[in-house]
Each structure stands twice: as structure tokens, then as C-alpha cells.
């Protein structure tokens, strides 16, 4: 059975989709593909060494690469030694889970590795595409198979010892829903239509005046009750207006261009805005539906509540599991 020495800091219980061209490129720089035996280890776990290259990668993974854009306030600052220790402890936890997982027999593990590898191969367009992606992170196809194997071992072990043992009652789900109702709020929304009169050159006074006059006339027709859809199809210079009737869909508060949003949410249902100048022309908006903020029902978010509660329970159970593994392991931190 394949027992790779290369490691990843993929969170226990996480899935490998598999390259991890996305996952690995984001999480691991080239140095972590294979342990560098020419460098001194930073720790051993039951005799298995963890190396500085892996620790450097873990620090970047858990705490983010690059400089912090704003200095943290004194109470939020964390020493580099604390960061290093926290990342190293995480690596040790993952190594413990992997070593323990190797004690179990997972039928068909090699076939599963090959299946995921082939899926990744297909997703990357064949051997050439996969090799190119892997070369960017100094990995070989064999390294990828080892990482897939390692991830499957950890997940198989956690499935057996944690995830399969989680029970969630209706009472727990409803309690979570009631205590976290803010998560399930839907903001106020409006459905709107628009008419655009383009202005190519704002410095051309005549062009601007002509556009304003035209927009004002169209707005007056809309206020008098003319069908806004027909007005949009007749006058709007937006290319899609003919097919959409100026429909710009449902806008949720907080998810739209701020100046336009402030206008849309100031209008009542059926309200038509004054002509408004924006970068590419003059707009007239009409709100055709208003929906007040709501909280989704328990039935609508039951699955989401289940996922959250299961995740919380699994985290607690994994912490207890790792604590137990640590109590029986021979862990040595080197260089201290």
C-alpha cells in the first residue's frame, strides 16, 4: 500500500477536489511537494520528521502570505514565534491523524486514488495539462497521487471515528436556528427597470442638453402612466432593452452600485426616478416591486442548520480525538 512521506495541510475532513490545481496552487508553494531531507527537521511525530519547508508553507496557509496592509492594534498583534508554534502544532495534528488512519484497512483505497487522479487528469485536459499545472508547484503526478492517498486516509479515518458517529436532533437544529437568525435574513430588495440615454461626450454641451431634454420627456410620459416596458423598447439605448424591456432584475440592498442603489431604494413601488447622470449616460429607473427584509423559515434553511451543527460537533470531536492521540504519541520539537 502506498504510504507517502509528502504532506499537505489540508484541514481534516476537507475534500480534495483534487488538484488541487486550485487547492494546491493556493495553499502550497513549490517547496512542499516533497519533504526536503537535506534540511533539518523541525519536529518528529512518532519518529516521522516534519521539515522546515512544510512549516513555512503551513504558516503561509494558516496566516496568509504577504505583508499585513494595516498595522494591527497592540492587543491584536501576534508574535512570529506564536504563529510558528501554532502552524507547527497544526502540522503535528494532521500527521497524527494520518498515522492513525494508516492503521485501518480501507478497502479499495488504491482504486479510489486512481479514480480521483484520472478525474483530475481529465479536468486538466490530459497529461500535458496536468504536468504543466504540477510543474508550477514543483510536483510530479506521483506526488499528486501521494497527496490524494494521504487525504483519503485522513478522511476515511475521520469518517469512521467522527462523522459517522454524529447525531443531530430536531431540537438542536431549531435551537441553532433561533440563536443564529441573523444568518438567515434576506435583505430588502427591489425589482427595477431602466431606460438609458447615452452621452458619448460630456464636454459637448449640446449633446448633454439634448440627452437631458429627451430623458425628461420620457420620464414625464412614464409618470403619466405610459407603459415603461414599451418606453424602454422605444427609447432606451441599452442594446438589451428590446428583449428585456429595461428589466435589470432583483436588486438586494448592499449588492449593487451604491449611487444607483441609493436611488432605487428611495423609490416607492411603482415610483419613477428623475433623470440621473452616470458615466455612460442618463438613466431613468422604475421600481416595479418592493420586498421588505425577511427571515427565511426554518424549513427553508434546515439543511444549512444541519451542516453548521454537524460541523461544530465534528470540530469538537476531532479536537478530543487529537488530544487523545497526542497523549499517546512521541512528539519532539527540535531546535528549541
C-alpha atoms as a PDB file:
ATOM      1  CA  UNK A   1       0.000   0.000   0.000  1.00  0.00           C
ATOM      2  CA  UNK A   2       1.207   3.467  -0.859  1.00  0.00           C
ATOM      3  CA  UNK A   3       2.454   5.349   2.217  1.00  0.00           C
ATOM      4  CA  UNK A   4       3.712   8.751   1.068  1.00  0.00           C
ATOM      5  CA  UNK A   5       6.087  10.932   3.028  1.00  0.00           C
ATOM      6  CA  UNK A   6       4.877  14.132   1.341  1.00  0.00           C
ATOM      7  CA  UNK A   7       2.290  16.026   3.391  1.00  0.00           C
ATOM      8  CA  UNK A   8      -0.380  18.621   2.970  1.00  0.00           C
ATOM      9  CA  UNK A   9      -2.007  20.932   5.450  1.00  0.00           C
ATOM     10  CA  UNK A  10      -5.482  20.265   4.104  1.00  0.00           C
ATOM     11  CA  UNK A  11      -7.884  20.556   7.024  1.00  0.00           C
ATOM     12  CA  UNK A  12      -9.060  17.239   8.440  1.00  0.00           C
ATOM     13  CA  UNK A  13     -12.402  16.359   6.956  1.00  0.00           C
ATOM     14  CA  UNK A  14     -11.863  18.605   3.931  1.00  0.00           C
ATOM     15  CA  UNK A  15     -12.374  17.158   0.485  1.00  0.00           C
ATOM     16  CA  UNK A  16      -9.789  17.098  -2.274  1.00  0.00           C
ATOM     17  CA  UNK A  17     -11.285  18.314  -5.499  1.00  0.00           C
ATOM     18  CA  UNK A  18      -8.454  17.106  -6.384  1.00  0.00           C
ATOM     19  CA  UNK A  19      -5.783  19.252  -7.677  1.00  0.00           C
ATOM     20  CA  UNK A  20      -5.918  20.756  -6.374  1.00  0.00           C
ATOM     21  CA  UNK A  21      -4.579  22.867  -9.335  1.00  0.00           C
ATOM     22  CA  UNK A  22      -6.745  25.281  -7.488  1.00  0.00           C
ATOM     23  CA  UNK A  23      -6.290  23.970  -3.955  1.00  0.00           C
ATOM     24  CA  UNK A  24      -2.624  23.143  -4.117  1.00  0.00           C
ATOM     25  CA  UNK A  25      -1.642  26.245  -6.025  1.00  0.00           C
ATOM     26  CA  UNK A  26      -3.366  28.417  -3.469  1.00  0.00           C
ATOM     27  CA  UNK A  27      -2.235  26.512  -0.401  1.00  0.00           C
ATOM     28  CA  UNK A  28       1.187  25.142  -1.158  1.00  0.00           C
ATOM     29  CA  UNK A  29       4.222  26.772  -2.719  1.00  0.00           C
ATOM     30  CA  UNK A  30       6.681  24.558  -4.602  1.00  0.00           C
ATOM     31  CA  UNK A  31       8.819  23.693  -1.579  1.00  0.00           C
ATOM     32  CA  UNK A  32       6.146  21.498  -0.024  1.00  0.00           C
ATOM     33  CA  UNK A  33       5.689  18.950  -2.768  1.00  0.00           C
ATOM     34  CA  UNK A  34       8.227  16.576  -1.244  1.00  0.00           C
ATOM     35  CA  UNK A  35       9.955  16.754   2.143  1.00  0.00           C
ATOM     36  CA  UNK A  36      13.458  18.153   1.796  1.00  0.00           C
ATOM     37  CA  UNK A  37      15.712  15.617   3.508  1.00  0.00           C
ATOM     38  CA  UNK A  38      18.717  17.927   3.158  1.00  0.00           C
ATOM     39  CA  UNK A  39      17.252  20.316   5.760  1.00  0.00           C
ATOM     40  CA  UNK A  40      16.994  19.740   9.455  1.00  0.00           C
ATOM     41  CA  UNK A  41      13.573  18.631  10.699  1.00  0.00           C
ATOM     42  CA  UNK A  42      11.632  20.960  12.979  1.00  0.00           C
ATOM     43  CA  UNK A  43       9.802  18.159  14.769  1.00  0.00           C
ATOM     44  CA  UNK A  44       9.274  14.414  14.834  1.00  0.00           C
ATOM     45  CA  UNK A  45       5.986  12.613  15.370  1.00  0.00           C
ATOM     46  CA  UNK A  46       6.451   9.000  16.402  1.00  0.00           C
ATOM     47  CA  UNK A  47       9.785   9.091  14.591  1.00  0.00           C
ATOM     48  CA  UNK A  48       8.468  10.719  11.392  1.00  0.00           C
ATOM     49  CA  UNK A  49      10.126  14.053  10.638  1.00  0.00           C
ATOM     50  CA  UNK A  50       8.374  17.302   9.753  1.00  0.00           C
ATOM     51  CA  UNK A  51      10.536  19.730   7.806  1.00  0.00           C
ATOM     52  CA  UNK A  52      11.035  23.482   7.694  1.00  0.00           C
ATOM     53  CA  UNK A  53       9.700  23.684   4.120  1.00  0.00           C
ATOM     54  CA  UNK A  54       6.420  22.201   5.316  1.00  0.00           C
ATOM     55  CA  UNK A  55       6.289  24.583   8.259  1.00  0.00           C
ATOM     56  CA  UNK A  56       6.942  27.603   6.028  1.00  0.00           C
ATOM     57  CA  UNK A  57       4.064  26.513   3.822  1.00  0.00           C
ATOM     58  CA  UNK A  58       1.772  25.948   6.799  1.00  0.00           C
ATOM     59  CA  UNK A  59       2.491  29.431   8.113  1.00  0.00           C
ATOM     60  CA  UNK A  60       1.537  30.921   4.743  1.00  0.00           C
ATOM     61  CA  UNK A  61      -1.575  28.739   4.622  1.00  0.00           C
ATOM     62  CA  UNK A  62      -2.911  29.425   8.109  1.00  0.00           C
ATOM     63  CA  UNK A  63      -1.897  33.069   8.429  1.00  0.00           C
ATOM     64  CA  UNK A  64      -1.800  34.292   4.828  1.00  0.00           C
ATOM     65  CA  UNK A  65       1.136  35.282   2.632  1.00  0.00           C
ATOM     66  CA  UNK A  66       2.454  38.764   2.189  1.00  0.00           C
ATOM     67  CA  UNK A  67       2.535  41.818   4.437  1.00  0.00           C
ATOM     68  CA  UNK A  68      -0.398  42.914   6.540  1.00  0.00           C
ATOM     69  CA  UNK A  69      -1.775  46.062   4.833  1.00  0.00           C
ATOM     70  CA  UNK A  70      -2.623  47.819   8.096  1.00  0.00           C
ATOM     71  CA  UNK A  71      -0.691  47.516  11.373  1.00  0.00           C
ATOM     72  CA  UNK A  72      -2.641  45.533  13.932  1.00  0.00           C
ATOM     73  CA  UNK A  73      -3.508  47.266  17.214  1.00  0.00           C
ATOM     74  CA  UNK A  74      -1.283  46.156  20.117  1.00  0.00           C
ATOM     75  CA  UNK A  75      -3.933  43.872  21.605  1.00  0.00           C
ATOM     76  CA  UNK A  76      -4.292  42.091  18.239  1.00  0.00           C
ATOM     77  CA  UNK A  77      -0.599  41.673  17.429  1.00  0.00           C
ATOM     78  CA  UNK A  78       0.772  38.130  17.453  1.00  0.00           C
ATOM     79  CA  UNK A  79       4.464  37.297  17.689  1.00  0.00           C
ATOM     80  CA  UNK A  80       6.161  35.399  14.898  1.00  0.00           C
ATOM     81  CA  UNK A  81       7.081  32.685  17.400  1.00  0.00           C
ATOM     82  CA  UNK A  82       3.419  32.247  18.322  1.00  0.00           C
ATOM     83  CA  UNK A  83       2.470  31.967  14.650  1.00  0.00           C
ATOM     84  CA  UNK A  84       5.243  29.455  14.030  1.00  0.00           C
ATOM     85  CA  UNK A  85       4.210  27.349  17.003  1.00  0.00           C
ATOM     86  CA  UNK A  86       0.541  27.374  16.048  1.00  0.00           C
ATOM     87  CA  UNK A  87       1.310  26.271  12.475  1.00  0.00           C
ATOM     88  CA  UNK A  88       3.662  23.565  13.713  1.00  0.00           C
ATOM     89  CA  UNK A  89       1.043  22.218  16.122  1.00  0.00           C
ATOM     90  CA  UNK A  90      -1.436  22.045  13.244  1.00  0.00           C
ATOM     91  CA  UNK A  91       1.045  20.064  11.156  1.00  0.00           C
ATOM     92  CA  UNK A  92       1.573  17.688  14.061  1.00  0.00           C
ATOM     93  CA  UNK A  93      -2.174  17.177  14.450  1.00  0.00           C
ATOM     94  CA  UNK A  94      -2.543  16.292  10.763  1.00  0.00           C
ATOM     95  CA  UNK A  95       0.414  13.912  10.913  1.00  0.00           C
ATOM     96  CA  UNK A  96      -1.111  12.172  13.951  1.00  0.00           C
ATOM     97  CA  UNK A  97      -4.418  11.704  12.127  1.00  0.00           C
ATOM     98  CA  UNK A  98      -2.619  10.327   9.093  1.00  0.00           C
ATOM     99  CA  UNK A  99      -0.507   7.900  11.094  1.00  0.00           C
ATOM    100  CA  UNK A 100      -3.552   6.658  12.968  1.00  0.00           C
ATOM    101  CA  UNK A 101      -5.521   6.359   9.750  1.00  0.00           C
ATOM    102  CA  UNK A 102      -2.843   4.085   8.304  1.00  0.00           C
ATOM    103  CA  UNK A 103      -3.687   1.523  10.990  1.00  0.00           C
ATOM    104  CA  UNK A 104      -7.090   0.953   9.420  1.00  0.00           C
ATOM    105  CA  UNK A 105      -7.767  -1.027   6.278  1.00  0.00           C
ATOM    106  CA  UNK A 106      -9.835   0.956   3.811  1.00  0.00           C
ATOM    107  CA  UNK A 107     -10.969  -1.389   1.029  1.00  0.00           C
ATOM    108  CA  UNK A 108     -10.397  -0.069  -2.470  1.00  0.00           C
ATOM    109  CA  UNK A 109      -8.181   2.846  -1.381  1.00  0.00           C
ATOM    110  CA  UNK A 110      -5.781   2.379  -4.317  1.00  0.00           C
ATOM    111  CA  UNK A 111      -8.690   2.316  -6.762  1.00  0.00           C
ATOM    112  CA  UNK A 112     -10.097   5.492  -5.224  1.00  0.00           C
ATOM    113  CA  UNK A 113      -6.733   7.200  -5.566  1.00  0.00           C
ATOM    114  CA  UNK A 114      -6.553   6.213  -9.212  1.00  0.00           C
ATOM    115  CA  UNK A 115     -10.153   7.315  -9.842  1.00  0.00           C
ATOM    116  CA  UNK A 116      -9.541  10.769  -8.365  1.00  0.00           C
ATOM    117  CA  UNK A 117      -6.269  11.052 -10.207  1.00  0.00           C
ATOM    118  CA  UNK A 118      -7.971  10.206 -13.519  1.00  0.00           C
ATOM    119  CA  UNK A 119     -10.691  12.746 -12.777  1.00  0.00           C
ATOM    120  CA  UNK A 120      -8.021  15.375 -12.237  1.00  0.00           C
ATOM    121  CA  UNK A 121      -6.264  14.294 -15.390  1.00  0.00           C
ATOM    122  CA  UNK A 122      -9.489  14.733 -17.362  1.00  0.00           C
ATOM    123  CA  UNK A 123     -10.240  18.085 -15.740  1.00  0.00           C
ATOM    124  CA  UNK A 124      -6.823  19.408 -16.756  1.00  0.00           C
ATOM    125  CA  UNK A 125      -7.240  18.233 -20.354  1.00  0.00           C
ATOM    126  CA  UNK A 126      -4.861  15.279 -20.253  1.00  0.00           C
ATOM    127  CA  UNK A 127      -1.294  14.501 -19.203  1.00  0.00           C
ATOM    128  CA  UNK A 128       0.220  17.593 -20.760  1.00  0.00           C
ATOM    129  CA  UNK A 129      -2.152  19.981 -18.983  1.00  0.00           C
ATOM    130  CA  UNK A 130      -1.734  18.207 -15.655  1.00  0.00           C
ATOM    131  CA  UNK A 131       2.043  18.102 -15.933  1.00  0.00           C
ATOM    132  CA  UNK A 132       2.132  21.805 -16.750  1.00  0.00           C
ATOM    133  CA  UNK A 133      -0.028  22.663 -13.746  1.00  0.00           C
ATOM    134  CA  UNK A 134       2.014  20.458 -11.434  1.00  0.00           C
ATOM    135  CA  UNK A 135       5.329  21.809 -12.703  1.00  0.00           C
ATOM    136  CA  UNK A 136       4.291  25.257 -11.496  1.00  0.00           C
ATOM    137  CA  UNK A 137       4.379  23.929  -7.935  1.00  0.00           C
ATOM    138  CA  UNK A 138       7.362  21.620  -8.434  1.00  0.00           C
ATOM    139  CA  UNK A 139       5.261  18.459  -8.243  1.00  0.00           C
ATOM    140  CA  UNK A 140       5.048  15.286 -10.267  1.00  0.00           C
ATOM    141  CA  UNK A 141       1.960  13.166 -10.997  1.00  0.00           C
ATOM    142  CA  UNK A 142       3.290  10.658  -8.454  1.00  0.00           C
ATOM    143  CA  UNK A 143       3.432  13.410  -5.797  1.00  0.00           C
ATOM    144  CA  UNK A 144      -0.190  14.242  -6.550  1.00  0.00           C
ATOM    145  CA  UNK A 145      -1.214  10.607  -6.128  1.00  0.00           C
ATOM    146  CA  UNK A 146       0.527  10.534  -2.748  1.00  0.00           C
ATOM    147  CA  UNK A 147      -1.334  13.649  -1.637  1.00  0.00           C
ATOM    148  CA  UNK A 148      -4.650  12.174  -2.786  1.00  0.00           C
ATOM    149  CA  UNK A 149      -3.826   8.976  -0.903  1.00  0.00           C
ATOM    150  CA  UNK A 150      -2.950  10.888   2.248  1.00  0.00           C
ATOM    151  CA  UNK A 151      -6.142  12.926   2.110  1.00  0.00           C
ATOM    152  CA  UNK A 152      -8.285   9.821   1.578  1.00  0.00           C
ATOM    153  CA  UNK A 153      -6.640   8.088   4.537  1.00  0.00           C
ATOM    154  CA  UNK A 154      -7.332  11.037   6.864  1.00  0.00           C
ATOM    155  CA  UNK A 155     -10.890  11.459   5.633  1.00  0.00           C
ATOM    156  CA  UNK A 156     -11.543   7.711   5.838  1.00  0.00           C
ATOM    157  CA  UNK A 157     -10.285   7.655   9.401  1.00  0.00           C
ATOM    158  CA  UNK A 158     -12.407  10.664  10.376  1.00  0.00           C
ATOM    159  CA  UNK A 159     -15.461   9.186   8.637  1.00  0.00           C
ATOM    160  CA  UNK A 160     -15.033   6.051  10.732  1.00  0.00           C
ATOM    161  CA  UNK A 161     -14.287   7.694  14.082  1.00  0.00           C
ATOM    162  CA  UNK A 162     -16.090  11.047  13.905  1.00  0.00           C
ATOM    163  CA  UNK A 163     -18.516  11.816  11.100  1.00  0.00           C
ATOM    164  CA  UNK A 164     -20.403   8.501  11.232  1.00  0.00           C
ATOM    165  CA  UNK A 165     -20.991   8.978  14.954  1.00  0.00           C
ATOM    166  CA  UNK A 166     -22.542  12.457  14.816  1.00  0.00           C
ATOM    167  CA  UNK A 167     -26.221  12.638  15.708  1.00  0.00           C
ATOM    168  CA  UNK A 168     -28.227  15.861  15.440  1.00  0.00           C
ATOM    169  CA  UNK A 169     -31.730  16.181  16.857  1.00  0.00           C
ATOM    170  CA  UNK A 170     -34.546  18.433  15.649  1.00  0.00           C
ATOM    171  CA  UNK A 171     -34.325  20.280  18.948  1.00  0.00           C
ATOM    172  CA  UNK A 172     -30.656  21.082  18.328  1.00  0.00           C
ATOM    173  CA  UNK A 173     -31.418  22.298  14.808  1.00  0.00           C
ATOM    174  CA  UNK A 174     -34.232  24.560  15.982  1.00  0.00           C
ATOM    175  CA  UNK A 175     -32.091  25.918  18.798  1.00  0.00           C
ATOM    176  CA  UNK A 176     -29.329  26.766  16.317  1.00  0.00           C
ATOM    177  CA  UNK A 177     -31.862  28.417  14.009  1.00  0.00           C
ATOM    178  CA  UNK A 178     -33.290  30.570  16.809  1.00  0.00           C
ATOM    179  CA  UNK A 179     -29.873  31.579  18.137  1.00  0.00           C
ATOM    180  CA  UNK A 180     -28.498  32.454  14.706  1.00  0.00           C
ATOM    181  CA  UNK A 181     -31.479  34.041  12.983  1.00  0.00           C
ATOM    182  CA  UNK A 182     -29.271  36.875  11.687  1.00  0.00           C
ATOM    183  CA  UNK A 183     -27.592  34.380   9.346  1.00  0.00           C
ATOM    184  CA  UNK A 184     -30.890  33.705   7.633  1.00  0.00           C
ATOM    185  CA  UNK A 185     -32.031  37.247   6.937  1.00  0.00           C
ATOM    186  CA  UNK A 186     -32.800  38.287   3.397  1.00  0.00           C
ATOM    187  CA  UNK A 187     -32.191  41.999   2.886  1.00  0.00           C
ATOM    188  CA  UNK A 188     -34.717  44.378   1.396  1.00  0.00           C
ATOM    189  CA  UNK A 189     -34.923  44.030  -2.376  1.00  0.00           C
ATOM    190  CA  UNK A 190     -36.480  45.763  -5.339  1.00  0.00           C
ATOM    191  CA  UNK A 191     -37.138  44.751  -8.899  1.00  0.00           C
ATOM    192  CA  UNK A 192     -36.476  47.569 -11.326  1.00  0.00           C
ATOM    193  CA  UNK A 193     -36.381  48.617 -14.951  1.00  0.00           C
ATOM    194  CA  UNK A 194     -34.254  51.270 -16.590  1.00  0.00           C
ATOM    195  CA  UNK A 195     -34.058  53.448 -19.666  1.00  0.00           C
ATOM    196  CA  UNK A 196     -30.647  54.659 -20.816  1.00  0.00           C
ATOM    197  CA  UNK A 197     -29.993  57.704 -22.972  1.00  0.00           C
ATOM    198  CA  UNK A 198     -26.314  57.551 -23.872  1.00  0.00           C
ATOM    199  CA  UNK A 199     -23.953  60.515 -23.685  1.00  0.00           C
ATOM    200  CA  UNK A 200     -20.734  59.932 -25.596  1.00  0.00           C
ATOM    201  CA  UNK A 201     -19.013  63.219 -24.756  1.00  0.00           C
ATOM    202  CA  UNK A 202     -19.938  65.002 -21.540  1.00  0.00           C
ATOM    203  CA  UNK A 203     -17.903  68.010 -22.598  1.00  0.00           C
ATOM    204  CA  UNK A 204     -20.245  68.531 -25.553  1.00  0.00           C
ATOM    205  CA  UNK A 205     -22.869  70.863 -24.055  1.00  0.00           C
ATOM    206  CA  UNK A 206     -25.347  70.421 -26.889  1.00  0.00           C
ATOM    207  CA  UNK A 207     -25.201  66.634 -26.687  1.00  0.00           C
ATOM    208  CA  UNK A 208     -25.736  66.709 -22.922  1.00  0.00           C
ATOM    209  CA  UNK A 209     -28.645  69.173 -23.141  1.00  0.00           C
ATOM    210  CA  UNK A 210     -30.277  67.098 -25.872  1.00  0.00           C
ATOM    211  CA  UNK A 211     -29.958  63.927 -23.769  1.00  0.00           C
ATOM    212  CA  UNK A 212     -31.376  65.652 -20.682  1.00  0.00           C
ATOM    213  CA  UNK A 213     -34.339  67.011 -22.673  1.00  0.00           C
ATOM    214  CA  UNK A 214     -35.070  63.598 -24.134  1.00  0.00           C
ATOM    215  CA  UNK A 215     -34.776  61.860 -20.757  1.00  0.00           C
ATOM    216  CA  UNK A 216     -37.062  64.435 -19.123  1.00  0.00           C
ATOM    217  CA  UNK A 217     -39.696  63.911 -21.819  1.00  0.00           C
ATOM    218  CA  UNK A 218     -39.530  60.119 -21.406  1.00  0.00           C
ATOM    219  CA  UNK A 219     -39.773  60.412 -17.628  1.00  0.00           C
ATOM    220  CA  UNK A 220     -42.889  62.621 -17.939  1.00  0.00           C
ATOM    221  CA  UNK A 221     -44.516  60.023 -20.192  1.00  0.00           C
ATOM    222  CA  UNK A 222     -43.743  57.314 -17.625  1.00  0.00           C
ATOM    223  CA  UNK A 223     -45.158  59.386 -14.758  1.00  0.00           C
ATOM    224  CA  UNK A 224     -48.349  59.984 -16.771  1.00  0.00           C
ATOM    225  CA  UNK A 225     -48.822  56.220 -16.922  1.00  0.00           C
ATOM    226  CA  UNK A 226     -47.273  55.124 -20.198  1.00  0.00           C
ATOM    227  CA  UNK A 227     -46.088  51.514 -20.196  1.00  0.00           C
ATOM    228  CA  UNK A 228     -42.461  51.622 -19.040  1.00  0.00           C
ATOM    229  CA  UNK A 229     -41.626  48.431 -20.924  1.00  0.00           C
ATOM    230  CA  UNK A 230     -42.797  49.976 -24.195  1.00  0.00           C
ATOM    231  CA  UNK A 231     -40.932  53.203 -23.408  1.00  0.00           C
ATOM    232  CA  UNK A 232     -37.746  51.236 -22.774  1.00  0.00           C
ATOM    233  CA  UNK A 233     -38.093  49.345 -26.024  1.00  0.00           C
ATOM    234  CA  UNK A 234     -38.792  52.550 -27.928  1.00  0.00           C
ATOM    235  CA  UNK A 235     -36.253  54.941 -26.399  1.00  0.00           C
ATOM    236  CA  UNK A 236     -33.576  53.109 -24.389  1.00  0.00           C
ATOM    237  CA  UNK A 237     -30.142  52.947 -25.958  1.00  0.00           C
ATOM    238  CA  UNK A 238     -29.177  49.917 -23.924  1.00  0.00           C
ATOM    239  CA  UNK A 239     -28.705  47.096 -26.506  1.00  0.00           C
ATOM    240  CA  UNK A 240     -30.666  44.623 -24.363  1.00  0.00           C
ATOM    241  CA  UNK A 241     -33.701  46.871 -23.883  1.00  0.00           C
ATOM    242  CA  UNK A 242     -35.533  45.484 -26.884  1.00  0.00           C
ATOM    243  CA  UNK A 243     -35.665  41.988 -25.429  1.00  0.00           C
ATOM    244  CA  UNK A 244     -35.802  42.819 -21.709  1.00  0.00           C
ATOM    245  CA  UNK A 245     -37.960  45.935 -21.693  1.00  0.00           C
ATOM    246  CA  UNK A 246     -35.298  47.540 -19.497  1.00  0.00           C
ATOM    247  CA  UNK A 247     -35.547  44.870 -16.797  1.00  0.00           C
ATOM    248  CA  UNK A 248     -32.462  44.873 -14.559  1.00  0.00           C
ATOM    249  CA  UNK A 249     -33.750  42.145 -12.256  1.00  0.00           C
ATOM    250  CA  UNK A 250     -33.979  41.899  -8.495  1.00  0.00           C
ATOM    251  CA  UNK A 251     -31.553  44.081  -6.564  1.00  0.00           C
ATOM    252  CA  UNK A 252     -30.753  43.169  -2.959  1.00  0.00           C
ATOM    253  CA  UNK A 253     -29.736  46.033  -0.737  1.00  0.00           C
ATOM    254  CA  UNK A 254     -25.991  46.118  -0.295  1.00  0.00           C
ATOM    255  CA  UNK A 255     -25.223  44.243  -3.539  1.00  0.00           C
ATOM    256  CA  UNK A 256     -25.442  46.987  -6.151  1.00  0.00           C
ATOM    257  CA  UNK A 257     -23.591  50.068  -7.324  1.00  0.00           C
ATOM    258  CA  UNK A 258     -24.034  52.411  -4.361  1.00  0.00           C
ATOM    259  CA  UNK A 259     -25.208  55.607  -6.123  1.00  0.00           C
ATOM    260  CA  UNK A 260     -27.781  53.668  -8.160  1.00  0.00           C
ATOM    261  CA  UNK A 261     -28.798  51.626  -5.132  1.00  0.00           C
ATOM    262  CA  UNK A 262     -29.498  54.755  -3.102  1.00  0.00           C
ATOM    263  CA  UNK A 263     -31.883  55.948  -5.817  1.00  0.00           C
ATOM    264  CA  UNK A 264     -33.643  52.622  -6.289  1.00  0.00           C
ATOM    265  CA  UNK A 265     -34.274  52.081  -2.589  1.00  0.00           C
ATOM    266  CA  UNK A 266     -35.590  55.610  -2.145  1.00  0.00           C
ATOM    267  CA  UNK A 267     -38.424  54.961  -4.627  1.00  0.00           C
ATOM    268  CA  UNK A 268     -41.809  53.509  -3.681  1.00  0.00           C
ATOM    269  CA  UNK A 269     -43.303  50.586  -5.533  1.00  0.00           C
ATOM    270  CA  UNK A 270     -44.214  51.962  -8.978  1.00  0.00           C
ATOM    271  CA  UNK A 271     -42.028  55.043  -8.488  1.00  0.00           C
ATOM    272  CA  UNK A 272     -40.108  56.589 -11.376  1.00  0.00           C
ATOM    273  CA  UNK A 273     -36.835  58.376 -10.729  1.00  0.00           C
ATOM    274  CA  UNK A 274     -35.768  61.747 -12.031  1.00  0.00           C
ATOM    275  CA  UNK A 275     -33.235  61.504 -14.889  1.00  0.00           C
ATOM    276  CA  UNK A 276     -29.887  60.607 -13.284  1.00  0.00           C
ATOM    277  CA  UNK A 277     -26.478  61.238 -14.829  1.00  0.00           C
ATOM    278  CA  UNK A 278     -23.942  58.419 -14.659  1.00  0.00           C
ATOM    279  CA  UNK A 279     -20.739  57.750 -16.533  1.00  0.00           C
ATOM    280  CA  UNK A 280     -22.187  56.366 -19.760  1.00  0.00           C
ATOM    281  CA  UNK A 281     -25.385  58.387 -19.962  1.00  0.00           C
ATOM    282  CA  UNK A 282     -28.624  59.447 -18.333  1.00  0.00           C
ATOM    283  CA  UNK A 283     -30.800  56.850 -16.636  1.00  0.00           C
ATOM    284  CA  UNK A 284     -34.452  56.712 -15.665  1.00  0.00           C
ATOM    285  CA  UNK A 285     -35.430  53.965 -13.216  1.00  0.00           C
ATOM    286  CA  UNK A 286     -38.770  52.500 -12.316  1.00  0.00           C
ATOM    287  CA  UNK A 287     -39.294  50.231  -9.307  1.00  0.00           C
ATOM    288  CA  UNK A 288     -41.842  47.541 -10.193  1.00  0.00           C
ATOM    289  CA  UNK A 289     -41.742  45.511  -6.967  1.00  0.00           C
ATOM    290  CA  UNK A 290     -40.519  46.031  -3.393  1.00  0.00           C
ATOM    291  CA  UNK A 291     -39.799  43.250  -0.928  1.00  0.00           C
ATOM    292  CA  UNK A 292     -39.208  44.023   2.745  1.00  0.00           C
ATOM    293  CA  UNK A 293     -36.433  42.322   4.723  1.00  0.00           C
ATOM    294  CA  UNK A 294     -37.414  38.803   5.760  1.00  0.00           C
ATOM    295  CA  UNK A 295     -36.033  35.898   7.765  1.00  0.00           C
ATOM    296  CA  UNK A 296     -36.050  32.553   5.953  1.00  0.00           C
ATOM    297  CA  UNK A 297     -38.198  29.891   7.567  1.00  0.00           C
ATOM    298  CA  UNK A 298     -36.674  27.010   9.493  1.00  0.00           C
ATOM    299  CA  UNK A 299     -37.789  24.553   6.805  1.00  0.00           C
ATOM    300  CA  UNK A 300     -36.029  26.626   4.137  1.00  0.00           C
ATOM    301  CA  UNK A 301     -32.697  26.572   5.989  1.00  0.00           C
ATOM    302  CA  UNK A 302     -32.911  23.220   7.730  1.00  0.00           C
ATOM    303  CA  UNK A 303     -30.145  21.732   5.566  1.00  0.00           C
ATOM    304  CA  UNK A 304     -27.881  24.700   6.260  1.00  0.00           C
ATOM    305  CA  UNK A 305     -28.536  24.404  10.008  1.00  0.00           C
ATOM    306  CA  UNK A 306     -27.722  20.696   9.823  1.00  0.00           C
ATOM    307  CA  UNK A 307     -24.422  21.425   8.103  1.00  0.00           C
ATOM    308  CA  UNK A 308     -23.471  24.066  10.671  1.00  0.00           C
ATOM    309  CA  UNK A 309     -24.383  21.935  13.690  1.00  0.00           C
ATOM    310  CA  UNK A 310     -22.620  18.865  12.302  1.00  0.00           C
ATOM    311  CA  UNK A 311     -19.532  20.930  11.585  1.00  0.00           C
ATOM    312  CA  UNK A 312     -19.471  22.317  15.116  1.00  0.00           C
ATOM    313  CA  UNK A 313     -19.864  18.857  16.628  1.00  0.00           C
ATOM    314  CA  UNK A 314     -17.221  17.379  14.350  1.00  0.00           C
ATOM    315  CA  UNK A 315     -14.721  20.084  15.292  1.00  0.00           C
ATOM    316  CA  UNK A 316     -15.226  19.328  18.984  1.00  0.00           C
ATOM    317  CA  UNK A 317     -14.925  15.581  18.397  1.00  0.00           C
ATOM    318  CA  UNK A 318     -11.779  15.992  16.287  1.00  0.00           C
ATOM    319  CA  UNK A 319     -10.199  18.166  18.966  1.00  0.00           C
ATOM    320  CA  UNK A 320     -10.905  15.454  21.546  1.00  0.00           C
ATOM    321  CA  UNK A 321      -9.576  12.793  19.177  1.00  0.00           C
ATOM    322  CA  UNK A 322      -6.345  14.670  18.505  1.00  0.00           C
ATOM    323  CA  UNK A 323      -5.910  15.370  22.211  1.00  0.00           C
ATOM    324  CA  UNK A 324      -6.115  11.639  22.869  1.00  0.00           C
ATOM    325  CA  UNK A 325      -3.678  10.834  20.065  1.00  0.00           C
ATOM    326  CA  UNK A 326      -1.219  13.378  21.429  1.00  0.00           C
ATOM    327  CA  UNK A 327      -1.378  11.834  24.895  1.00  0.00           C
ATOM    328  CA  UNK A 328      -0.088   8.542  23.463  1.00  0.00           C
ATOM    329  CA  UNK A 329       2.337   9.916  20.845  1.00  0.00           C
ATOM    330  CA  UNK A 330       6.053  10.551  20.975  1.00  0.00           C
ATOM    331  CA  UNK A 331       6.327  14.167  19.781  1.00  0.00           C
ATOM    332  CA  UNK A 332       9.621  16.019  19.803  1.00  0.00           C
ATOM    333  CA  UNK A 333      10.000  19.695  18.887  1.00  0.00           C
ATOM    334  CA  UNK A 334      13.523  20.245  17.566  1.00  0.00           C
ATOM    335  CA  UNK A 335      15.717  23.316  17.602  1.00  0.00           C
ATOM    336  CA  UNK A 336      14.384  24.734  20.868  1.00  0.00           C
END
